[in-house]
Amino acid sequence: MTHRPLDEPRRPAPPHPVGTPLDRTPRPADVDPAVLAALLHRHGWQRRGGAAGHYGRWTPPGPGGATSLLVPVSRAFPDSDDLLGEALDALARCRTPSAHAVLAALAVPSDEIHWWRDVPGGPAGTAPWTVEERLRSAARQTLLAAALATRARTGYHGARHRRPAAACLGHVLVGSAAGGAGLTALVPVDPARPLAVRLHQAVYAVREAIDYRRATGAMDAFDGAVRAGASRELTEALVALVRGTEGARIAVDWAPAAGVPADCAAAEAVEFSPGDLPVLRDAGARYLRAEPSVPVRVTGAVVRMRRTQPHGEGTVRLRVLSGAEVPYVRVTLDEEDYRTAGHAHLVGLPVRVLGRLESRGGFRRITGACEVVPVRVDDEERDRLMKSLEEEPKDTDFFGAPDAGPERGPDD
């Protein structure tokens, strides 16, 4: 028989990465003139004269140039705050997309991650809907792979660490380039700089491993790339980014306010081509084969039970409380252990299981299960589990009849 998962408390939305709203112009007192000048240069603004050693005159990219900014070179002059205030107000009124990008980077000191896909464009700078969709999907995959690598350095993560890695992406802000060929993510230095650093190092390591493979025919460099954050998840993300294009690039621009991190070079775009796809696929398969199963002692709440006969072994699904970095696991138990798990479910107690978390299938199944015992919990946790149980549909034959078939949950 099948028992649906217990309802879990709703997780609160992640807080905004900073307290300063992005739609509010930064205060002149909070802006470093050198940082503002660096951001203007990064986003294509041109410096066109100005009083040497006092201020520079900046104009936006493209034709026209109706807007110009006077940016002081430092705060050493008495009119520096006035010039900064006027420059910030002009940026807020400017219709140029780069102006809003500069203001966002000032409001939230952020590292910028850029993705580009070289694909044929549509008329008048447009692009098919699927082009931008694929770019966003591939970019999210690369960010998620980097977030996973901040949790653990391993060649294959599977279902492990997915929830905290996905939560890390809640701090990231995004904006598109024209034509759907480019995408930029703003990664706040606090608290998400480790995400940008890991992506930067991992992408460079994969690029070097591909070059080594082409030069020597050996795949050994991919093993070393794991220490930099490379994984099957990252190779799959790069395949998704490059597939269907004439080439793709990834670059990281470090926040001027924070400087370049230790062990990271000044950023240059890393390029990948369709010719890299076979090597990336081989590397992903290599990571999958090499990842071992791990011994675990998992404590979890029984949320589903199923067996095809009234007696004998059955399959139990546990919501993991401790012992493994995955949300759910499946485990096949013999008749006695299956009955123990059922009784624990009825009284609202979790169980502890000893076994091996199998890498095949993404670390979602425990094999060789033994030592299945109920676990005492405090009254508050027990009441919460019992309340969830009471909200489930009643079943008069909890252990009994053959099941009509498996029911898949969201993590199956």
Protein backbone atom coordinates (compact mmCIF):
# COMPACT_ATOMS: atom_id res chain seq x y z
CA MET A 1 0.00 0.00 0.00
CA THR A 2 1.08 3.59 -0.51
CA HIS A 3 1.08 6.38 2.06
CA ARG A 4 1.50 9.92 0.84
CA PRO A 5 4.31 12.08 2.26
CA LEU A 6 3.69 13.95 5.48
CA ASP A 7 3.05 17.65 4.98
CA GLU A 8 6.10 19.74 5.75
CA PRO A 9 6.04 23.30 7.17
CA ARG A 10 6.35 25.85 4.44
CA ARG A 11 9.85 27.26 4.18
CA PRO A 12 10.00 31.07 4.34
CA ALA A 13 11.22 32.90 1.27
CA PRO A 14 14.91 33.84 1.46
CA PRO A 15 15.52 37.43 2.58
CA HIS A 16 16.60 40.04 0.10
CA PRO A 17 20.38 40.00 -0.13
CA VAL A 18 20.74 43.54 1.14
CA GLY A 19 18.66 46.05 3.02
CA THR A 20 18.97 48.79 0.38
CA PRO A 21 16.13 48.56 -2.18
CA LEU A 22 17.38 48.38 -5.73
CA ASP A 23 14.90 50.99 -6.92
CA ARG A 24 16.39 53.64 -4.60
CA THR A 25 19.28 55.77 -5.85
CA PRO A 26 22.35 55.25 -3.63
CA ARG A 27 23.34 58.17 -1.43
CA PRO A 28 26.44 60.13 -2.51
CA ALA A 29 28.00 59.51 0.90
CA ASP A 30 27.83 55.75 0.26
CA VAL A 31 29.50 55.87 -3.17
CA ASP A 32 33.24 55.60 -3.76
CA PRO A 33 34.10 57.73 -6.84
CA ALA A 34 36.71 55.18 -7.97
CA VAL A 35 34.11 52.38 -7.83
CA LEU A 36 31.60 54.46 -9.81
CA ALA A 37 34.23 55.20 -12.48
CA ALA A 38 35.19 51.51 -12.69
CA LEU A 39 31.55 50.49 -13.13
CA LEU A 40 30.95 53.11 -15.81
CA HIS A 41 33.99 51.85 -17.72
CA ARG A 42 32.86 48.21 -17.33
CA HIS A 43 29.44 49.00 -18.78
CA GLY A 44 30.76 50.78 -21.85
CA TRP A 45 30.68 54.43 -20.80
CA GLN A 46 33.41 56.60 -22.32
CA ARG A 47 35.51 59.13 -20.46
CA ARG A 48 35.73 62.26 -22.57
CA GLY A 49 37.93 64.80 -20.90
CA GLY A 50 37.35 66.66 -17.67
CA ALA A 51 39.63 68.56 -15.32
CA ALA A 52 42.75 66.45 -14.85
CA GLY A 53 43.06 65.19 -11.28
CA HIS A 54 39.68 66.67 -10.34
CA TYR A 55 36.84 65.00 -12.26
CA GLY A 56 36.12 63.07 -15.46
CA ARG A 57 33.27 63.55 -17.91
CA TRP A 58 31.56 60.27 -18.86
CA THR A 59 29.08 59.64 -21.69
CA PRO A 60 26.94 56.53 -22.25
CA PRO A 61 27.68 53.92 -24.92
CA GLY A 62 26.10 54.23 -28.35
CA PRO A 63 25.16 57.23 -30.48
CA GLY A 64 23.55 60.34 -29.12
CA GLY A 65 25.33 60.91 -25.83
CA ALA A 66 22.74 63.39 -24.54
CA THR A 67 23.61 62.40 -20.98
CA SER A 68 27.01 63.17 -19.50
CA LEU A 69 28.25 62.70 -15.96
CA LEU A 70 30.89 64.60 -14.02
CA VAL A 71 32.51 62.09 -11.67
CA PRO A 72 35.15 63.29 -9.18
CA VAL A 73 38.33 61.26 -9.02
CA SER A 74 38.25 61.27 -5.21
CA ARG A 75 36.62 62.91 -2.20
CA ALA A 76 39.52 65.30 -1.75
CA PHE A 77 37.56 68.25 -3.18
CA PRO A 78 34.76 70.15 -1.39
CA ASP A 79 32.30 69.72 -4.28
CA SER A 80 32.77 65.93 -4.56
CA ASP A 81 29.48 65.05 -2.85
CA ASP A 82 27.59 67.53 -5.05
CA LEU A 83 29.10 66.07 -8.23
CA LEU A 84 28.34 62.52 -7.08
CA GLY A 85 24.75 63.45 -6.25
CA GLU A 86 24.23 65.00 -9.68
CA ALA A 87 25.84 61.99 -11.38
CA LEU A 88 23.61 59.54 -9.49
CA ASP A 89 20.47 61.54 -10.27
CA ALA A 90 21.44 61.61 -13.95
CA LEU A 91 21.95 57.83 -13.94
CA ALA A 92 18.52 57.34 -12.37
CA ARG A 93 16.90 59.44 -15.13
CA CYS A 94 18.93 57.92 -17.96
CA ARG A 95 17.07 55.46 -20.19
CA THR A 96 20.25 53.59 -21.12
CA PRO A 97 20.14 50.02 -19.73
CA SER A 98 23.75 50.29 -18.63
CA ALA A 99 22.84 53.18 -16.32
CA HIS A 100 20.46 50.98 -14.35
CA ALA A 101 23.09 48.22 -14.26
CA VAL A 102 25.57 50.68 -12.72
CA LEU A 103 23.05 51.80 -10.10
CA ALA A 104 22.24 48.18 -9.22
CA ALA A 105 25.94 47.40 -8.79
CA LEU A 106 26.32 50.44 -6.52
CA ALA A 107 23.28 49.51 -4.42
CA VAL A 108 24.41 45.89 -4.06
CA PRO A 109 28.20 45.46 -4.38
CA SER A 110 28.20 42.41 -6.61
CA ASP A 111 30.37 40.23 -8.76
CA GLU A 112 28.96 39.99 -12.28
CA ILE A 113 28.76 36.64 -14.06
CA HIS A 114 28.17 36.80 -17.82
CA TRP A 115 27.07 34.09 -20.22
CA TRP A 116 26.95 34.41 -24.01
CA ARG A 117 25.74 31.96 -26.64
CA ASP A 118 26.70 32.57 -30.28
CA VAL A 119 23.46 31.85 -32.10
CA PRO A 120 21.93 33.34 -35.26
CA GLY A 121 19.85 36.38 -34.39
CA GLY A 122 16.37 37.24 -35.58
CA PRO A 123 15.20 40.39 -37.34
CA ALA A 124 15.89 43.74 -35.68
CA GLY A 125 17.84 42.20 -32.81
CA THR A 126 15.09 39.79 -31.78
CA ALA A 127 15.57 36.11 -30.98
CA PRO A 128 13.33 33.03 -30.82
CA TRP A 129 11.73 32.45 -27.44
CA THR A 130 13.64 29.18 -27.01
CA VAL A 131 17.03 30.89 -27.37
CA GLU A 132 16.63 32.96 -24.22
CA GLU A 133 14.94 30.06 -22.44
CA ARG A 134 17.88 27.76 -23.12
CA LEU A 135 20.37 30.40 -22.05
CA ARG A 136 18.62 31.01 -18.73
CA SER A 137 18.29 27.28 -18.08
CA ALA A 138 21.97 26.63 -18.81
CA ALA A 139 23.06 29.62 -16.72
CA ARG A 140 21.03 28.39 -13.75
CA GLN A 141 22.57 24.94 -14.13
CA THR A 142 26.09 26.38 -13.98
CA LEU A 143 25.22 28.47 -10.92
CA LEU A 144 23.66 25.45 -9.21
CA ALA A 145 26.75 23.34 -9.98
CA ALA A 146 28.94 26.05 -8.44
CA ALA A 147 26.66 26.29 -5.41
CA LEU A 148 26.89 22.52 -4.94
CA ALA A 149 30.69 22.77 -5.10
CA THR A 150 30.66 25.32 -2.27
CA ARG A 151 29.05 22.61 -0.14
CA ALA A 152 31.33 19.71 -1.14
CA ARG A 153 34.05 18.98 -3.70
CA THR A 154 33.00 15.79 -5.45
CA GLY A 155 32.69 14.59 -9.01
CA TYR A 156 28.98 13.76 -8.71
CA HIS A 157 26.57 15.35 -6.27
CA GLY A 158 23.33 13.64 -7.28
CA ALA A 159 20.55 14.62 -4.88
CA ARG A 160 22.98 15.70 -2.15
CA HIS A 161 23.06 19.31 -0.92
CA ARG A 162 20.37 20.36 -3.42
CA ARG A 163 18.23 22.33 -1.00
CA PRO A 164 20.95 24.59 0.49
CA ALA A 165 22.53 25.02 -2.94
CA ALA A 166 19.23 26.14 -4.44
CA ALA A 167 18.69 28.50 -1.50
CA CYS A 168 22.05 30.11 -2.27
CA LEU A 169 20.74 31.12 -5.70
CA GLY A 170 18.02 33.17 -4.01
CA HIS A 171 20.57 35.97 -3.54
CA VAL A 172 21.36 36.24 -7.26
CA LEU A 173 19.85 38.99 -9.45
CA VAL A 174 19.68 38.65 -13.24
CA GLY A 175 19.29 40.78 -16.35
CA SER A 176 19.32 39.94 -20.05
CA ALA A 177 21.26 41.35 -22.97
CA ALA A 178 19.50 42.33 -26.17
CA GLY A 179 18.67 39.53 -28.57
CA GLY A 180 18.68 36.78 -25.96
CA ALA A 181 22.35 35.97 -26.68
CA GLY A 182 23.70 37.15 -23.31
CA LEU A 183 22.77 37.02 -19.67
CA THR A 184 24.27 38.73 -16.63
CA ALA A 185 23.87 37.71 -13.00
CA LEU A 186 24.69 40.00 -10.09
CA VAL A 187 26.08 37.91 -7.24
CA PRO A 188 26.24 39.97 -4.03
CA VAL A 189 29.67 39.94 -2.44
CA ASP A 190 27.95 39.46 0.91
CA PRO A 191 27.01 36.66 1.27
CA ALA A 192 27.44 34.99 -2.13
CA ARG A 193 31.00 35.74 -3.25
CA PRO A 194 32.06 32.09 -2.63
CA LEU A 195 29.58 31.12 -5.36
CA ALA A 196 31.24 33.39 -7.94
CA VAL A 197 34.74 32.30 -6.87
CA ARG A 198 33.85 28.63 -7.15
CA LEU A 199 32.29 29.07 -10.59
CA HIS A 200 35.30 31.06 -11.83
CA GLN A 201 37.80 28.45 -10.66
CA ALA A 202 35.75 25.46 -11.78
CA VAL A 203 35.14 26.77 -15.30
CA TYR A 204 38.83 27.55 -15.77
CA ALA A 205 39.74 24.07 -14.50
CA VAL A 206 37.34 22.40 -16.94
CA ARG A 207 38.72 24.49 -19.82
CA GLU A 208 42.28 23.45 -18.93
CA ALA A 209 41.24 19.80 -18.59
CA ILE A 210 39.67 19.88 -22.07
CA ASP A 211 42.84 21.36 -23.53
CA TYR A 212 44.94 18.72 -21.75
CA ARG A 213 42.68 15.98 -23.13
CA ARG A 214 43.16 17.30 -26.66
CA ALA A 215 46.93 17.57 -26.26
CA THR A 216 47.60 14.21 -24.58
CA GLY A 217 44.50 12.09 -25.04
CA ALA A 218 44.30 11.60 -21.25
CA MET A 219 41.37 12.47 -18.99
CA ASP A 220 43.42 12.70 -15.77
CA ALA A 221 43.14 16.49 -15.58
CA PHE A 222 39.41 16.17 -14.92
CA ASP A 223 40.19 14.34 -11.68
CA GLY A 224 42.27 17.28 -10.48
CA ALA A 225 39.57 19.71 -11.64
CA VAL A 226 37.25 18.35 -8.95
CA ARG A 227 39.35 20.19 -6.34
CA ALA A 228 38.49 23.43 -8.14
CA GLY A 229 34.76 22.61 -8.16
CA ALA A 230 34.29 20.65 -11.39
CA SER A 231 31.63 17.95 -11.36
CA ARG A 232 29.24 16.02 -13.54
CA GLU A 233 26.65 18.70 -12.84
CA LEU A 234 28.98 21.38 -14.21
CA THR A 235 29.89 19.41 -17.35
CA GLU A 236 26.18 18.83 -18.01
CA ALA A 237 25.53 22.57 -17.55
CA LEU A 238 28.30 23.42 -20.04
CA VAL A 239 26.88 20.93 -22.54
CA ALA A 240 23.49 22.64 -22.21
CA LEU A 241 25.13 26.05 -22.70
CA VAL A 242 27.11 25.07 -25.83
CA ARG A 243 24.70 22.68 -27.54
CA GLY A 244 22.99 24.25 -30.56
CA THR A 245 25.42 27.19 -30.78
CA GLU A 246 28.57 28.14 -32.65
CA GLY A 247 30.25 28.70 -29.29
CA ALA A 248 29.63 29.98 -25.77
CA ARG A 249 31.51 32.04 -23.19
CA ILE A 250 31.45 32.60 -19.43
CA ALA A 251 33.14 35.50 -17.66
CA VAL A 252 33.25 36.86 -14.11
CA ASP A 253 33.81 40.57 -13.40
CA TRP A 254 34.72 41.15 -9.78
CA ALA A 255 33.01 43.87 -7.77
CA PRO A 256 35.29 46.96 -7.78
CA ALA A 257 34.30 47.71 -4.19
CA ALA A 258 35.63 44.35 -3.00
CA GLY A 259 38.55 43.79 -5.36
CA VAL A 260 39.77 40.55 -6.90
CA PRO A 261 39.53 37.55 -4.54
CA ALA A 262 42.61 35.64 -3.48
CA ASP A 263 43.59 32.81 -5.85
CA CYS A 264 41.57 34.36 -8.68
CA ALA A 265 43.08 36.10 -11.66
CA ALA A 266 41.62 39.16 -13.31
CA ALA A 267 38.67 37.74 -15.16
CA GLU A 268 38.75 36.88 -18.84
CA ALA A 269 35.98 35.10 -20.71
CA VAL A 270 36.35 31.32 -20.91
CA GLU A 271 35.24 29.99 -24.29
CA PHE A 272 33.73 26.64 -25.20
CA SER A 273 32.94 25.36 -28.69
CA PRO A 274 30.81 22.53 -30.12
CA GLY A 275 34.06 20.59 -30.53
CA ASP A 276 34.30 20.41 -26.74
CA LEU A 277 30.99 18.58 -26.35
CA PRO A 278 32.30 14.99 -26.73
CA VAL A 279 34.99 15.62 -24.09
CA LEU A 280 32.48 17.22 -21.72
CA ARG A 281 30.13 14.25 -22.08
CA ASP A 282 33.00 11.79 -21.49
CA ALA A 283 34.05 13.73 -18.40
CA GLY A 284 30.51 13.65 -17.01
CA ALA A 285 30.31 9.89 -17.51
CA ARG A 286 33.71 9.51 -15.84
CA TYR A 287 32.58 11.46 -12.80
CA LEU A 288 29.43 9.36 -12.53
CA ARG A 289 31.32 6.05 -12.70
CA ALA A 290 33.97 7.13 -10.23
CA GLU A 291 31.70 8.38 -7.45
CA PRO A 292 31.45 5.72 -4.71
CA SER A 293 28.53 4.80 -2.54
CA VAL A 294 28.84 5.99 1.06
CA PRO A 295 28.07 4.30 4.38
CA VAL A 296 25.37 6.17 6.31
CA ARG A 297 23.35 6.01 9.49
CA VAL A 298 20.18 7.88 8.57
CA THR A 299 17.43 9.10 10.85
CA GLY A 300 14.19 9.81 9.01
CA ALA A 301 10.43 10.03 9.26
CA VAL A 302 8.50 7.30 7.44
CA VAL A 303 6.36 9.02 4.81
CA ARG A 304 5.50 6.15 2.48
CA MET A 305 5.35 2.36 2.66
CA ARG A 306 4.73 -0.15 -0.10
CA ARG A 307 4.94 -3.87 -0.68
CA THR A 308 3.37 -6.07 -3.31
CA GLN A 309 2.37 -8.90 -0.93
CA PRO A 310 0.67 -8.94 2.48
CA HIS A 311 3.87 -10.37 3.96
CA GLY A 312 7.59 -10.21 3.24
CA GLU A 313 9.90 -7.35 2.42
CA GLY A 314 8.71 -3.91 1.41
CA THR A 315 9.95 -0.48 0.38
CA VAL A 316 9.90 2.49 2.74
CA ARG A 317 10.45 6.13 1.88
CA LEU A 318 12.04 8.32 4.56
CA ARG A 319 12.14 12.06 4.90
CA VAL A 320 15.71 12.52 6.08
CA LEU A 321 16.17 14.30 9.39
CA SER A 322 19.89 13.63 9.81
CA GLY A 323 22.70 11.45 8.51
CA ALA A 324 22.59 12.29 4.79
CA GLU A 325 22.53 15.48 2.71
CA VAL A 326 19.46 14.45 0.71
CA PRO A 327 15.81 15.25 1.42
CA TYR A 328 14.39 11.73 0.90
CA VAL A 329 15.70 8.18 0.58
CA ARG A 330 14.15 4.84 -0.32
CA VAL A 331 15.11 1.68 1.49
CA THR A 332 14.02 -1.96 1.06
CA LEU A 333 13.43 -3.69 4.42
CA ASP A 334 12.78 -7.28 5.41
CA GLU A 335 9.46 -8.16 6.99
CA GLU A 336 10.48 -7.52 10.60
CA ASP A 337 12.16 -4.18 9.87
CA TYR A 338 9.25 -3.18 7.62
CA ARG A 339 6.85 -3.81 10.52
CA THR A 340 9.10 -1.83 12.87
CA ALA A 341 9.02 1.10 10.46
CA GLY A 342 5.24 0.85 10.22
CA HIS A 343 4.77 0.95 13.99
CA ALA A 344 7.10 3.96 14.23
CA HIS A 345 5.03 5.71 11.57
CA LEU A 346 1.80 5.05 13.49
CA VAL A 347 3.09 6.51 16.74
CA GLY A 348 4.82 9.45 15.10
CA LEU A 349 8.43 8.42 15.68
CA PRO A 350 11.28 8.53 13.16
CA VAL A 351 13.50 5.49 12.59
CA ARG A 352 17.25 5.04 12.33
CA VAL A 353 18.66 2.89 9.52
CA LEU A 354 22.21 1.73 8.85
CA GLY A 355 23.26 1.01 5.25
CA ARG A 356 24.96 2.35 2.13
CA LEU A 357 23.70 5.37 0.22
CA GLU A 358 24.01 4.30 -3.42
CA SER A 359 25.57 6.73 -5.89
CA ARG A 360 23.70 5.08 -8.74
CA GLY A 361 20.44 6.95 -9.13
CA GLY A 362 21.72 10.10 -7.42
CA PHE A 363 22.12 8.99 -3.78
CA ARG A 364 18.41 8.43 -3.33
CA ARG A 365 18.43 4.77 -2.19
CA ILE A 366 19.92 2.95 0.79
CA THR A 367 21.00 -0.67 0.26
CA GLY A 368 22.03 -3.32 2.79
CA ALA A 369 19.73 -1.78 5.41
CA CYS A 370 19.97 -3.12 8.94
CA GLU A 371 19.58 -2.09 12.58
CA VAL A 372 16.20 -0.42 11.99
CA VAL A 373 15.04 1.07 15.30
CA PRO A 374 12.59 3.79 16.34
CA VAL A 375 14.16 7.00 17.65
CA ARG A 376 12.88 8.98 20.61
CA VAL A 377 12.26 12.67 19.86
CA ASP A 378 11.24 15.60 22.05
CA ASP A 379 7.57 16.25 22.67
CA GLU A 380 7.38 19.21 20.30
CA GLU A 381 8.76 17.25 17.34
CA ARG A 382 6.60 14.25 18.19
CA ASP A 383 3.45 16.42 18.31
CA ARG A 384 4.32 17.91 14.92
CA LEU A 385 4.81 14.47 13.38
CA MET A 386 1.57 13.19 14.92
CA LYS A 387 -0.36 16.22 13.68
CA SER A 388 0.92 15.60 10.17
CA LEU A 389 -0.12 11.96 10.49
CA GLU A 390 -3.63 12.89 11.61
CA GLU A 391 -4.06 15.06 8.52
CA GLU A 392 -3.32 12.09 6.27
CA PRO A 393 -6.20 10.02 4.82
CA LYS A 394 -7.01 7.12 7.14
CA ASP A 395 -6.11 3.65 5.96
CA THR A 396 -7.59 0.68 7.82
CA ASP A 397 -5.00 -1.75 6.49
CA PHE A 398 -1.69 -0.03 7.14
CA PHE A 399 0.49 -3.11 6.70
CA GLY A 400 -1.77 -5.15 4.58
CA ALA A 401 -2.94 -5.70 1.07
CA PRO A 402 -0.95 -5.77 -2.17
CA ASP A 403 -0.43 -2.36 -3.69
CA ALA A 404 -1.90 -1.36 -7.02
CA GLY A 405 1.45 0.07 -8.06
CA PRO A 406 4.10 2.56 -7.04
CA GLU A 407 3.24 6.19 -6.58
CA ARG A 408 5.98 8.63 -7.39
CA GLY A 409 6.68 11.63 -5.24
CA PRO A 410 8.36 14.90 -6.16
CA ASP A 411 11.82 13.58 -5.46
CA ASP A 412 11.51 10.22 -7.24
